[in-house]
Amino acid sequence: MKEIIHDKANFVNVTYSGLRISNTEFDSCTFINCDFSNSILSETDFIECRFESCNFAMAKFSGTGLKDVHFLDCKLIGLNFDHCSDFLFAANFQKCVLDYASFFKKKMKKAKFIDCSLKEVDFTAVDLSMAIFGNCNLERALFHESNLEKADFRTAANYSIDPETNRIKKAKFSISGLAGLLGKYNIEIE
């Protein structure tokens, strides 16, 4: 049982920077322009919450529940989402910077990444089946033993995906993205 419960609350311009938030539940809450930098979110659940223009730089997740959470225009650089609770984990991202983040072994079926920077993100062993990477920069993102079946990469850029070490059945790619699938063969595509 969570100690503190917030239901349908709005948090605007709140600074959580450097604070520890634990054993708290936020249900159907909205966070606008909040600063979570250097905070520790431990055993805290965010259920059907929305984050807009929030800063999570150097924040730490520990058993954090992200259950149907939406991030819009947020800074999520270097976050270890793999430290989040697996139970009902579901997050979608739009216009976010997620560079250097890790989703190691997460189940993210139908996740949406729209207009995001995903440079050097670790997607190792992640279930991204039916995920959408709309207009995302995947420069040096790591896909290894990932399930990318029916995922949509048609408008994504700079990805490098090895079809031999990832499941890509019925995934969607554009003609211009073929180099990202054949890079390991050191061939020239014109």
Protein backbone atom coordinates (compact mmCIF):
# COMPACT_ATOMS: atom_id res chain seq x y z
CA MET A 1 0.00 0.00 0.00
CA LYS A 2 1.33 3.42 -0.95
CA GLU A 3 1.72 5.97 1.84
CA ILE A 4 0.65 9.05 -0.14
CA ILE A 5 -1.98 9.03 -2.88
CA HIS A 6 -2.62 11.87 -5.35
CA ASP A 7 -5.68 11.50 -7.58
CA LYS A 8 -6.42 13.71 -10.59
CA ALA A 9 -4.07 16.43 -9.32
CA ASN A 10 -2.20 19.00 -11.43
CA PHE A 11 1.38 19.89 -10.58
CA VAL A 12 2.74 23.00 -12.31
CA ASN A 13 6.29 24.39 -11.91
CA VAL A 14 7.01 22.10 -8.97
CA THR A 15 10.66 21.37 -8.17
CA TYR A 16 11.46 17.85 -6.97
CA SER A 17 15.14 18.28 -7.84
CA GLY A 18 17.39 16.27 -5.53
CA LEU A 19 14.44 14.91 -3.54
CA ARG A 20 13.53 11.32 -2.77
CA ILE A 21 9.92 10.47 -3.61
CA SER A 22 8.97 7.04 -2.30
CA ASN A 23 5.90 4.96 -1.56
CA THR A 24 3.65 7.43 -3.36
CA GLU A 25 0.93 6.89 -5.95
CA PHE A 26 -0.03 9.45 -8.57
CA ASP A 27 -3.24 8.46 -10.39
CA SER A 28 -4.44 10.44 -13.44
CA CYS A 29 -2.18 13.38 -12.57
CA THR A 30 -0.63 15.98 -14.86
CA PHE A 31 2.85 17.42 -14.36
CA ILE A 32 3.69 20.58 -16.31
CA ASN A 33 7.15 22.15 -16.31
CA CYS A 34 8.24 20.17 -13.24
CA ASP A 35 11.87 19.50 -12.36
CA PHE A 36 12.71 15.92 -11.32
CA SER A 37 16.46 16.32 -12.01
CA ASN A 38 18.68 14.35 -9.61
CA SER A 39 15.59 13.01 -7.82
CA ILE A 40 15.11 9.42 -6.67
CA LEU A 41 11.74 7.91 -7.51
CA SER A 42 11.54 4.77 -5.40
CA GLU A 43 8.56 2.40 -5.21
CA THR A 44 6.37 5.19 -6.61
CA ASP A 45 3.57 4.54 -9.09
CA PHE A 46 2.48 6.90 -11.88
CA ILE A 47 -0.82 5.60 -13.27
CA GLU A 48 -2.31 7.24 -16.39
CA CYS A 49 -0.20 10.35 -15.78
CA ARG A 50 0.99 12.97 -18.25
CA PHE A 51 4.30 14.83 -18.09
CA GLU A 52 4.72 17.98 -20.18
CA SER A 53 7.99 19.94 -20.46
CA CYS A 54 9.48 18.14 -17.44
CA ASN A 55 13.16 17.61 -16.70
CA PHE A 56 14.26 14.17 -15.48
CA ALA A 57 18.03 14.69 -15.99
CA MET A 58 20.01 12.34 -13.75
CA ALA A 59 16.83 11.07 -12.01
CA LYS A 60 16.91 7.53 -10.66
CA PHE A 61 14.11 5.00 -10.92
CA SER A 62 13.92 2.17 -8.39
CA GLY A 63 10.85 -0.04 -8.61
CA THR A 64 9.00 2.92 -10.12
CA GLY A 65 5.71 2.08 -11.81
CA LEU A 66 5.04 3.78 -15.14
CA LYS A 67 1.58 2.55 -16.05
CA ASP A 68 0.11 4.15 -19.18
CA VAL A 69 2.26 7.26 -18.83
CA HIS A 70 2.72 9.92 -21.53
CA PHE A 71 5.77 12.16 -21.82
CA LEU A 72 5.52 15.27 -24.02
CA ASP A 73 8.49 17.56 -24.66
CA CYS A 74 10.44 16.11 -21.72
CA LYS A 75 14.16 15.76 -21.06
CA LEU A 76 14.82 12.10 -20.13
CA ILE A 77 18.54 11.85 -20.85
CA GLY A 78 20.34 8.80 -19.49
CA LEU A 79 17.40 7.34 -17.58
CA ASN A 80 17.42 3.65 -16.72
CA PHE A 81 13.85 2.65 -17.46
CA ASP A 82 14.98 -0.94 -16.90
CA HIS A 83 14.93 -0.15 -13.14
CA CYS A 84 11.18 0.54 -13.37
CA SER A 85 8.65 -2.04 -12.27
CA ASP A 86 7.67 -4.43 -15.07
CA PHE A 87 4.08 -4.69 -13.80
CA LEU A 88 1.81 -2.93 -16.35
CA PHE A 89 4.78 -0.90 -17.68
CA ALA A 90 3.54 1.31 -20.53
CA ALA A 91 5.03 4.63 -21.63
CA ASN A 92 4.73 6.77 -24.76
CA PHE A 93 6.97 9.64 -25.78
CA GLN A 94 6.48 12.67 -28.02
CA LYS A 95 9.05 15.40 -28.74
CA CYS A 96 11.29 14.01 -25.97
CA VAL A 97 15.06 13.74 -25.63
CA LEU A 98 15.86 10.21 -24.44
CA ASP A 99 19.54 10.10 -25.44
CA TYR A 100 21.62 7.50 -23.54
CA ALA A 101 18.53 5.98 -21.86
CA SER A 102 18.13 2.24 -21.30
CA PHE A 103 15.04 0.07 -21.73
CA PHE A 104 16.90 -3.24 -21.25
CA LYS A 105 14.45 -6.19 -21.29
CA LYS A 106 11.31 -4.03 -21.07
CA LYS A 107 8.03 -5.08 -22.66
CA MET A 108 6.94 -2.10 -24.77
CA LYS A 109 4.41 -3.51 -27.21
CA LYS A 110 2.74 -0.75 -29.23
CA ALA A 111 4.91 1.98 -27.63
CA LYS A 112 4.99 5.28 -29.50
CA PHE A 113 8.12 7.36 -29.95
CA ILE A 114 7.15 10.41 -32.01
CA ASP A 115 9.61 13.21 -32.94
CA CYS A 116 12.13 11.98 -30.34
CA SER A 117 15.90 11.96 -30.06
CA LEU A 118 16.95 8.40 -29.18
CA LYS A 119 20.72 8.65 -29.58
CA GLU A 120 22.61 5.69 -28.09
CA VAL A 121 19.49 4.30 -26.39
CA ASP A 122 19.81 0.67 -25.27
CA PHE A 123 16.93 -1.41 -26.61
CA THR A 124 18.64 -4.76 -25.89
CA ALA A 125 16.14 -7.62 -25.46
CA VAL A 126 13.17 -5.22 -25.55
CA ASP A 127 9.77 -6.26 -26.90
CA LEU A 128 8.98 -3.40 -29.28
CA SER A 129 6.52 -5.32 -31.41
CA MET A 130 4.08 -2.94 -33.14
CA ALA A 131 5.99 0.08 -31.76
CA ILE A 132 6.11 3.28 -33.77
CA PHE A 133 9.30 5.31 -34.25
CA GLY A 134 7.85 8.32 -36.03
CA ASN A 135 10.43 10.87 -37.17
CA CYS A 136 12.96 9.73 -34.54
CA ASN A 137 16.75 9.95 -34.57
CA LEU A 138 18.11 6.51 -33.60
CA GLU A 139 21.79 7.34 -34.07
CA ARG A 140 23.92 4.60 -32.44
CA ALA A 141 20.84 3.13 -30.68
CA LEU A 142 21.43 -0.50 -29.75
CA PHE A 143 19.00 -3.16 -30.93
CA HIS A 144 20.13 -6.66 -29.95
CA GLU A 145 17.86 -9.67 -29.41
CA SER A 146 14.93 -7.27 -29.63
CA ASN A 147 11.45 -8.09 -30.89
CA LEU A 148 10.75 -5.53 -33.61
CA GLU A 149 7.98 -7.47 -35.34
CA LYS A 150 5.46 -5.14 -37.01
CA ALA A 151 7.34 -2.09 -35.67
CA ASP A 152 7.24 1.02 -37.86
CA PHE A 153 10.59 2.62 -38.73
CA ARG A 154 9.46 4.23 -42.00
CA THR A 155 10.17 7.82 -40.90
CA ALA A 156 12.96 7.02 -38.42
CA ALA A 157 16.55 7.96 -39.24
CA ASN A 158 20.08 6.80 -38.50
CA TYR A 159 19.18 3.36 -37.14
CA SER A 160 21.37 0.30 -37.42
CA ILE A 161 19.50 -2.96 -36.94
CA ASP A 162 20.97 -6.40 -37.54
CA PRO A 163 18.19 -8.64 -38.96
CA GLU A 164 20.15 -11.70 -37.81
CA THR A 165 20.10 -10.76 -34.11
CA ASN A 166 16.64 -9.16 -33.92
CA ARG A 167 13.14 -10.32 -34.82
CA ILE A 168 11.91 -8.02 -37.62
CA LYS A 169 9.12 -10.00 -39.28
CA LYS A 170 6.63 -7.60 -40.92
CA ALA A 171 8.44 -4.52 -39.55
CA LYS A 172 8.10 -1.46 -41.78
CA PHE A 173 11.10 0.37 -43.22
CA SER A 174 11.49 2.95 -45.97
CA ILE A 175 13.67 2.36 -49.01
CA SER A 176 16.00 5.11 -47.77
CA GLY A 177 16.47 3.19 -44.50
CA LEU A 178 17.79 -0.01 -46.07
CA ALA A 179 21.37 0.96 -45.26
CA GLY A 180 20.43 0.71 -41.57
CA LEU A 181 19.57 -2.95 -42.07
CA LEU A 182 22.57 -3.86 -44.19
CA GLY A 183 25.33 -1.88 -42.47
CA LYS A 184 27.20 -4.89 -41.10
CA TYR A 185 27.78 -6.18 -44.63
CA ASN A 186 29.88 -3.13 -45.57
CA ILE A 187 28.16 -2.75 -48.92
CA GLU A 188 27.45 0.42 -50.86
CA ILE A 189 23.85 1.34 -51.56
CA GLU A 190 23.10 4.02 -54.14
